[in-house]
């Protein structure tokens, strides 16, 4: 049942899910493999990076009421008890500030169980042209540049 529901959800992504997926798919984010609409126990998470043990959840306006808040809280605790870290973003943040959201995800993924990727991330996230030779320049699909996150 959960697997069939996950497949159906993959076919009908929201605009914010579609935009974030375009940044995460095909190992575009520092080589981390993400899955979308992935079952974890009785839940289906929006995005997950299994090697980094990282879950990304996107919250729409329905997440502002008290009942939904407690549902999300129990869901997050369930995931954390299984060794997963959960990052939550509002849909509006993904739509208005995608680069900052992707940078937060990159930072969180690099803090996961793969500390060897931290050096690689530091190189790829430096502002363009600072300390990189042309041979070291990262792929255009990778995020470049440190930005203040407001």
Protein backbone atom coordinates (compact mmCIF):
# COMPACT_ATOMS: atom_id res chain seq x y z
CA UNK A 1 0.00 0.00 0.00
CA UNK A 2 2.72 2.50 1.00
CA UNK A 3 4.84 1.70 -2.07
CA UNK A 4 1.90 2.20 -4.44
CA UNK A 5 1.06 5.50 -2.73
CA UNK A 6 4.71 6.63 -3.02
CA UNK A 7 4.65 5.86 -6.76
CA UNK A 8 1.49 7.90 -7.19
CA UNK A 9 2.99 10.83 -5.25
CA UNK A 10 6.07 10.78 -7.52
CA UNK A 11 3.81 11.37 -10.53
CA UNK A 12 2.13 14.43 -9.01
CA UNK A 13 4.83 16.59 -7.43
CA UNK A 14 4.00 20.06 -6.18
CA UNK A 15 5.81 23.01 -7.79
CA UNK A 16 8.18 23.32 -4.81
CA UNK A 17 8.92 19.56 -4.87
CA UNK A 18 9.58 19.74 -8.61
CA UNK A 19 12.02 22.63 -8.20
CA UNK A 20 13.91 21.03 -5.33
CA UNK A 21 14.02 17.68 -7.13
CA UNK A 22 15.69 19.34 -10.11
CA UNK A 23 18.55 20.39 -7.79
CA UNK A 24 18.83 17.02 -6.00
CA UNK A 25 18.27 14.44 -8.75
CA UNK A 26 21.03 12.55 -10.59
CA UNK A 27 23.54 13.14 -7.76
CA UNK A 28 23.66 16.86 -8.65
CA UNK A 29 24.23 17.92 -5.05
CA UNK A 30 27.88 17.08 -4.31
CA UNK A 31 27.38 13.55 -5.60
CA UNK A 32 24.78 12.63 -2.95
CA UNK A 33 22.01 10.35 -4.17
CA UNK A 34 18.53 11.47 -3.16
CA UNK A 35 15.24 9.65 -3.57
CA UNK A 36 11.84 11.32 -3.71
CA UNK A 37 8.58 10.19 -2.13
CA UNK A 38 10.31 7.32 -0.36
CA UNK A 39 8.55 5.05 2.19
CA UNK A 40 10.07 4.93 5.69
CA UNK A 41 7.99 2.76 7.97
CA UNK A 42 4.37 3.91 7.74
CA UNK A 43 5.38 7.31 6.31
CA UNK A 44 6.38 8.59 2.90
CA UNK A 45 9.11 11.23 3.13
CA UNK A 46 9.42 13.91 0.46
CA UNK A 47 13.17 13.40 -0.13
CA UNK A 48 15.79 11.19 1.48
CA UNK A 49 19.53 10.73 1.13
CA UNK A 50 20.21 7.31 2.61
CA UNK A 51 24.04 7.59 2.73
CA UNK A 52 23.80 10.89 4.67
CA UNK A 53 20.80 9.64 6.73
CA UNK A 54 19.02 12.90 5.81
CA UNK A 55 15.30 13.49 5.21
CA UNK A 56 13.99 16.66 3.56
CA UNK A 57 10.35 17.56 4.20
CA UNK A 58 8.50 20.38 2.42
CA UNK A 59 5.60 21.92 4.30
CA UNK A 60 2.68 23.72 2.69
CA UNK A 61 0.21 26.04 4.39
CA UNK A 62 -1.73 23.10 5.88
CA UNK A 63 1.21 22.53 8.25
CA UNK A 64 0.33 25.63 10.26
CA UNK A 65 -2.61 24.19 12.19
CA UNK A 66 -2.14 22.53 15.58
CA UNK A 67 -3.25 19.05 14.56
CA UNK A 68 -0.80 18.98 11.66
CA UNK A 69 1.94 20.35 13.90
CA UNK A 70 1.60 17.37 16.29
CA UNK A 71 1.40 14.90 13.40
CA UNK A 72 4.65 16.34 11.98
CA UNK A 73 6.24 16.26 15.43
CA UNK A 74 5.42 12.54 15.92
CA UNK A 75 6.59 11.78 12.39
CA UNK A 76 9.89 13.60 12.94
CA UNK A 77 10.48 11.74 16.24
CA UNK A 78 9.76 8.43 14.48
CA UNK A 79 12.35 9.22 11.80
CA UNK A 80 14.93 10.47 14.32
CA UNK A 81 14.56 7.26 16.36
CA UNK A 82 15.67 5.43 13.22
CA UNK A 83 18.85 7.50 12.97
CA UNK A 84 17.61 9.97 10.36
CA UNK A 85 17.97 13.75 10.53
CA UNK A 86 15.01 15.78 9.30
CA UNK A 87 15.20 19.18 7.62
CA UNK A 88 11.94 21.02 7.05
CA UNK A 89 11.37 23.83 4.57
CA UNK A 90 8.24 25.77 3.81
CA UNK A 91 7.14 25.54 0.17
CA UNK A 92 7.37 29.31 -0.13
CA UNK A 93 11.05 29.23 0.93
CA UNK A 94 11.87 26.70 -1.79
CA UNK A 95 10.10 28.85 -4.37
CA UNK A 96 11.55 32.20 -3.28
CA UNK A 97 15.02 31.23 -1.99
CA UNK A 98 16.00 27.94 -3.65
CA UNK A 99 19.77 28.52 -3.54
CA UNK A 100 19.78 29.11 0.22
CA UNK A 101 17.65 26.01 0.82
CA UNK A 102 19.90 23.85 -1.35
CA UNK A 103 22.94 25.20 0.50
CA UNK A 104 21.41 24.23 3.85
CA UNK A 105 20.73 20.75 2.48
CA UNK A 106 24.34 20.48 1.22
CA UNK A 107 25.66 21.51 4.64
CA UNK A 108 23.43 18.97 6.39
CA UNK A 109 24.34 16.18 3.96
CA UNK A 110 28.04 16.85 4.55
CA UNK A 111 27.53 16.59 8.32
CA UNK A 112 26.15 13.08 7.88
CA UNK A 113 28.02 9.81 8.28
CA UNK A 114 30.44 10.69 5.45
CA UNK A 115 32.90 13.19 6.97
CA UNK A 116 35.29 12.59 4.05
CA UNK A 117 32.90 14.62 1.86
CA UNK A 118 33.35 17.75 4.01
CA UNK A 119 36.62 18.70 2.25
CA UNK A 120 35.02 18.14 -1.17
CA UNK A 121 32.05 20.28 -0.16
CA UNK A 122 34.30 23.06 1.10
CA UNK A 123 35.97 23.22 -2.32
CA UNK A 124 32.68 23.19 -4.25
CA UNK A 125 30.95 25.74 -2.05
CA UNK A 126 33.71 28.38 -2.13
CA UNK A 127 32.80 31.59 -3.93
CA UNK A 128 33.58 31.27 -7.61
CA UNK A 129 37.18 32.08 -8.43
CA UNK A 130 38.52 31.93 -4.87
CA UNK A 131 41.39 29.52 -4.73
CA UNK A 132 40.27 27.26 -7.55
CA UNK A 133 42.30 26.64 -10.66
CA UNK A 134 40.43 25.94 -13.91
CA UNK A 135 41.20 22.23 -13.52
CA UNK A 136 39.64 22.20 -10.02
CA UNK A 137 36.55 24.15 -11.02
CA UNK A 138 33.42 22.26 -9.98
CA UNK A 139 30.78 21.01 -12.36
CA UNK A 140 28.14 23.63 -13.24
CA UNK A 141 25.47 21.36 -11.72
CA UNK A 142 26.98 21.83 -8.25
CA UNK A 143 26.12 24.78 -6.03
CA UNK A 144 28.82 27.44 -6.00
CA UNK A 145 29.26 30.26 -3.56
CA UNK A 146 28.57 30.82 0.12
CA UNK A 147 25.58 33.01 0.80
CA UNK A 148 24.20 34.31 4.04
CA UNK A 149 21.02 32.47 4.92
CA UNK A 150 18.36 34.73 6.31
